[in-house]
Protein backbone atom coordinates (compact mmCIF):
# COMPACT_ATOMS: atom_id res chain seq x y z
CA MET A 1 -7.73 -11.54 -6.50
CA THR A 2 -6.63 -13.24 -9.47
CA GLU A 3 -3.98 -15.67 -9.51
CA LEU A 4 -0.64 -13.68 -9.34
CA ARG A 5 1.49 -14.19 -12.53
CA ARG A 6 5.21 -16.08 -11.78
CA ARG A 7 7.11 -13.06 -13.09
CA ARG A 8 5.67 -10.53 -10.51
CA PRO A 9 8.29 -9.57 -7.68
CA VAL A 10 8.30 -11.75 -4.89
CA SER A 11 7.76 -8.66 -2.50
CA GLN A 12 4.83 -7.32 -4.40
CA SER A 13 3.29 -10.70 -4.75
CA PHE A 14 3.48 -11.15 -0.88
CA LEU A 15 1.99 -7.95 -0.32
CA LEU A 16 -1.10 -7.92 -2.81
CA LYS A 17 -1.90 -11.76 -1.05
CA LEU A 18 -1.45 -9.77 2.24
CA LEU A 19 -4.14 -7.15 1.15
CA GLU A 20 -6.23 -9.62 -0.28
CA SER A 21 -6.65 -11.70 2.56
CA GLN A 22 -7.20 -8.33 5.19
CA ILE A 23 -9.66 -7.28 2.91
CA GLY A 24 -11.38 -10.22 2.75
CA GLN A 25 -11.38 -10.40 6.62
CA LEU A 26 -13.56 -7.50 6.73
CA ILE A 27 -16.61 -9.39 6.62
CA PRO A 28 -15.76 -12.88 7.53
CA GLY A 29 -17.26 -15.65 5.88
CA GLU A 30 -19.29 -13.03 3.21
CA PHE A 31 -18.20 -11.11 0.28
CA ARG A 32 -19.82 -7.95 -0.73
CA PRO A 33 -18.52 -5.33 -3.07
CA LEU A 34 -16.74 -2.49 -1.64
CA GLU A 35 -16.13 1.05 -2.16
CA ILE A 36 -12.66 1.34 -2.32
CA VAL A 37 -10.37 4.69 -3.22
CA ASP A 38 -6.56 4.38 -4.21
CA LEU A 39 -5.28 7.33 -3.52
CA GLY A 40 -2.27 7.84 -5.85
CA GLY A 41 -3.00 4.68 -7.75
CA GLY A 42 -1.44 6.10 -10.70
CA THR A 43 -2.19 3.73 -13.84
CA GLY A 44 -4.17 1.31 -11.91
CA GLY A 45 -2.06 -2.01 -11.52
CA LEU A 46 -3.83 -2.48 -7.77
CA ALA A 47 -6.87 -1.07 -8.86
CA ALA A 48 -7.31 -3.53 -11.54
CA LEU A 49 -6.53 -6.12 -9.22
CA LEU A 50 -9.34 -5.02 -6.78
CA ALA A 51 -11.90 -4.40 -9.19
CA SER A 52 -11.49 -7.77 -10.75
CA GLN A 53 -12.70 -9.20 -7.38
CA GLY A 54 -16.06 -7.12 -8.02
CA HIS A 55 -15.19 -4.14 -5.86
CA ALA A 56 -15.51 -0.56 -7.27
CA VAL A 57 -12.55 1.71 -7.14
CA THR A 58 -11.87 5.14 -7.61
CA VAL A 59 -8.24 6.51 -8.36
CA ILE A 60 -7.46 9.40 -7.11
CA ASP A 61 -4.02 10.82 -8.80
CA PRO A 62 -2.76 14.14 -9.67
CA SER A 63 -1.16 12.97 -13.08
CA PRO A 64 -3.22 13.43 -16.04
CA ASP A 65 -1.13 11.06 -18.31
CA ALA A 66 -1.39 8.40 -15.40
CA LEU A 67 -5.18 8.59 -15.55
CA ALA A 68 -5.18 8.18 -19.38
CA SER A 69 -3.22 5.00 -19.04
CA LEU A 70 -5.80 4.09 -16.10
CA ASP A 71 -8.18 4.94 -18.79
CA ARG A 72 -6.75 2.51 -21.38
CA ARG A 73 -5.85 -0.43 -18.93
CA THR A 74 -9.59 -0.25 -17.47
CA THR A 75 -10.97 -0.73 -21.13
CA ASP A 76 -8.54 -3.47 -22.09
CA ALA A 77 -9.34 -5.26 -19.01
CA GLY A 78 -13.24 -4.90 -19.52
CA LEU A 79 -13.52 -3.34 -16.14
CA SER A 80 -15.26 -0.35 -17.40
CA GLY A 81 -17.93 1.02 -14.58
CA ARG A 82 -15.71 -0.38 -11.81
CA ILE A 83 -12.67 1.65 -11.98
CA HIS A 84 -13.25 5.59 -11.96
CA GLY A 85 -10.28 7.97 -12.36
CA VAL A 86 -10.35 11.27 -10.96
CA GLN A 87 -7.46 13.97 -10.97
CA GLY A 88 -6.36 15.32 -7.36
CA ASP A 89 -4.25 14.83 -4.74
CA ALA A 90 -4.48 14.15 -0.60
CA GLY A 91 -5.60 17.56 -0.21
CA ASP A 92 -8.42 17.00 -2.28
CA LEU A 93 -9.47 13.73 -0.97
CA VAL A 94 -12.52 14.87 1.33
CA ARG A 95 -13.79 17.26 -1.35
CA LEU A 96 -13.74 14.51 -4.14
CA VAL A 97 -15.11 11.34 -2.32
CA GLY A 98 -17.17 13.19 0.92
CA ASP A 99 -17.17 12.20 4.43
CA HIS A 100 -17.92 8.61 5.24
CA ALA A 101 -18.36 7.47 1.73
CA VAL A 102 -16.19 4.45 1.29
CA ASP A 103 -15.04 1.19 2.94
CA VAL A 104 -11.58 1.27 2.10
CA VAL A 105 -8.68 3.68 1.46
CA VAL A 106 -5.56 2.70 -0.51
CA CYS A 107 -2.48 4.97 0.36
CA HIS A 108 0.75 3.30 -0.92
CA ARG A 109 3.59 4.85 -1.46
CA VAL A 110 2.31 8.14 -0.96
CA LEU A 111 2.43 9.72 2.26
CA GLU A 112 6.35 10.24 1.63
CA VAL A 113 5.52 12.81 -0.92
CA VAL A 114 2.49 14.98 0.70
CA ASP A 115 2.91 18.01 2.37
CA SER A 116 1.55 17.17 5.55
CA PRO A 117 1.13 13.37 6.46
CA PRO A 118 -1.04 14.28 9.41
CA GLU A 119 -3.50 16.18 7.38
CA ALA A 120 -3.69 13.47 4.69
CA LEU A 121 -4.37 10.90 7.17
CA ASP A 122 -7.10 12.63 8.79
CA ALA A 123 -8.43 13.22 5.36
CA MET A 124 -8.10 9.43 4.91
CA SER A 125 -9.94 8.79 8.21
CA ARG A 126 -12.68 11.13 7.05
CA VAL A 127 -13.85 9.56 4.25
CA LEU A 128 -14.07 5.87 5.61
CA ARG A 129 -17.39 4.78 6.98
CA PRO A 130 -17.62 3.38 10.09
CA GLY A 131 -15.81 0.04 10.07
CA GLY A 132 -13.66 1.22 7.38
CA VAL A 133 -9.85 0.49 7.02
CA LEU A 134 -6.92 1.69 5.71
CA SER A 135 -4.07 0.20 3.70
CA LEU A 136 -0.89 2.28 3.96
CA LEU A 137 2.09 1.47 2.39
CA VAL A 138 5.27 3.55 3.15
CA SER A 139 9.13 3.39 2.17
CA GLN A 140 11.43 3.30 5.59
CA ARG A 141 14.69 5.60 6.22
CA HIS A 142 16.81 3.12 7.20
CA ALA A 143 16.69 0.70 4.37
CA ALA A 144 17.26 3.64 1.94
CA VAL A 145 19.99 5.06 3.99
CA LEU A 146 21.43 1.42 3.80
CA ALA A 147 20.80 0.69 0.06
CA GLN A 148 22.37 3.98 -0.80
CA ALA A 149 25.34 3.66 1.39
CA LEU A 150 26.33 0.27 -0.14
CA ALA A 151 25.69 1.77 -3.80
CA GLY A 152 28.67 4.29 -2.64
CA HIS A 153 25.99 7.48 -2.40
CA ILE A 154 27.22 8.07 1.14
CA SER A 155 26.48 12.00 1.11
CA GLN A 156 22.89 11.06 -0.26
CA ALA A 157 22.80 8.32 2.40
CA ARG A 158 23.61 11.10 5.25
CA ARG A 159 21.06 13.19 3.74
CA THR A 160 18.34 10.76 3.77
CA PHE A 161 19.01 9.58 7.15
CA ALA A 162 18.78 13.29 8.45
CA ASP A 163 15.57 14.13 6.11
CA PRO A 164 12.33 14.67 8.19
CA ARG A 165 10.46 13.69 5.67
CA ARG A 166 11.31 10.25 5.98
CA PHE A 167 9.78 7.70 8.46
CA ASP A 168 10.43 4.64 10.27
CA HIS A 169 8.43 1.85 11.21
CA ASP A 170 7.68 3.53 14.79
CA GLN A 171 6.96 6.99 13.18
CA VAL A 172 4.13 5.73 10.74
CA ILE A 173 2.65 3.90 13.47
CA GLY A 174 2.47 7.45 15.75
CA LEU A 175 1.05 9.16 12.75
CA VAL A 176 -1.80 6.63 11.96
CA GLN A 177 -2.54 6.43 15.65
CA GLY A 178 -2.63 10.41 15.69
CA ALA A 179 -5.28 10.23 13.21
CA GLY A 180 -7.42 8.25 15.19
CA PHE A 181 -6.57 4.94 13.59
CA THR A 182 -6.15 1.65 15.61
CA VAL A 183 -3.49 -0.60 13.96
CA LEU A 184 -4.41 -3.94 13.14
CA ALA A 185 -0.97 -5.36 11.81
CA SER A 186 1.94 -4.00 10.23
CA HIS A 187 4.21 -6.08 7.96
CA GLY A 188 7.85 -5.39 6.33
CA ILE A 189 7.92 -5.70 2.81
CA GLY A 190 10.87 -6.94 0.80
CA ALA A 191 13.57 -7.19 3.74
CA ILE A 192 14.81 -10.18 2.23
CA ALA A 193 13.02 -10.66 -0.96
CA ASP A 194 14.34 -7.48 -2.52
CA HIS A 195 18.00 -8.33 -2.25
CA VAL A 196 17.51 -12.05 -3.87
CA PRO A 197 18.81 -11.71 -7.44
CA GLU A 198 16.28 -12.51 -9.99
CA PRO A 199 18.72 -15.19 -11.77
CA LEU A 200 18.63 -17.22 -8.59
CA LEU A 201 14.71 -17.41 -8.96
CA ASP A 202 15.21 -18.21 -12.17
CA SER A 203 17.36 -21.19 -12.07
CA ASP A 204 15.53 -22.77 -9.38
CA VAL A 205 11.90 -23.87 -9.71
CA THR A 206 10.75 -23.77 -6.06
CA ALA A 207 12.88 -20.72 -5.15
CA TYR A 208 10.12 -18.38 -5.90
CA THR A 209 7.78 -20.41 -3.57
CA GLU A 210 10.16 -20.56 -0.86
CA LEU A 211 11.48 -16.80 -0.95
CA THR A 212 7.44 -16.06 -0.80
CA GLY A 213 7.21 -18.11 2.45
CA LEU A 214 10.28 -16.57 3.90
CA GLU A 215 8.99 -13.25 3.35
CA SER A 216 5.62 -14.24 4.86
CA ASP A 217 7.65 -15.86 7.77
CA ILE A 218 9.74 -12.73 8.69
CA SER A 219 7.12 -9.86 7.97
CA GLN A 220 6.47 -9.22 11.43
CA ASP A 221 9.49 -9.85 12.96
CA PRO A 222 10.70 -6.62 14.77
CA THR A 223 14.35 -6.76 13.34
CA PHE A 224 13.61 -7.56 9.83
CA ARG A 225 10.45 -5.13 9.81
CA ALA A 226 13.14 -2.64 10.74
CA VAL A 227 15.04 -2.72 7.78
CA ALA A 228 12.62 -3.47 5.30
CA PRO A 229 12.21 -1.49 2.41
CA GLN A 230 8.69 -0.59 2.98
CA VAL A 231 6.43 -1.18 5.64
CA HIS A 232 2.49 -2.09 5.42
CA ILE A 233 0.21 -0.74 7.76
CA PHE A 234 -3.43 -2.02 7.81
CA ALA A 235 -5.45 0.07 10.42
CA ALA A 236 -9.21 0.49 11.12
CA THR A 237 -11.23 3.48 12.24
CA ALA A 238 -12.16 3.65 16.03
CA THR A 239 -15.64 2.52 15.26
CA ARG A 240 -14.29 -0.70 13.86
CA SER A 241 -12.13 -1.17 16.48
CA GLU A 242 -14.66 -0.86 19.12
CA ALA A 243 -17.10 -3.25 17.74
């Protein structure tokens, strides 16, 4: 991917570097353009980064306004022909994409809002080719409860804790495996970085780099991962895991 700008938040920078590395290992030692679906990709921030590496990205999003912004971003970035926006949601995925049609499905911050997470994950599995992979980013319940409570929103924190639509790490793993995927890696995102004040990074030229390294160091530690605001799951179709 293109070099990340200094002002990108540390947790986002780490996630993008992580995803770049994971996708890059699909064919070790070789690059080829991949067919990627970004489900709920909105205005295309991630799609533009992926397309800039030569991949073809289809962004599926229910918002016409987001897709209009995606078109403008695509044109401004000179990526016309590499990014295609389609209106729809998880329930439309198979109809819009087709069975076994793409190499990668990106689903970031979407599983929490779909009507049926198991059905959505099943659709993601169906559209992937043999050897395809899923990049799934999900908000975690424990971090949300803690943040709400510390902000003084105690009643909201209790509702969040009891909300069956909220997930923790093990629940997400179970859902992914239940859809037939094999989990290759799981990382907590933002467990420390999201709590470090931005002025601290501005006042110390090495702090951003050091914090990015720390975020990487602790991302797979079970304790830190459990309290991270988000968890990133990288999973493969059964065919890939058996290869």
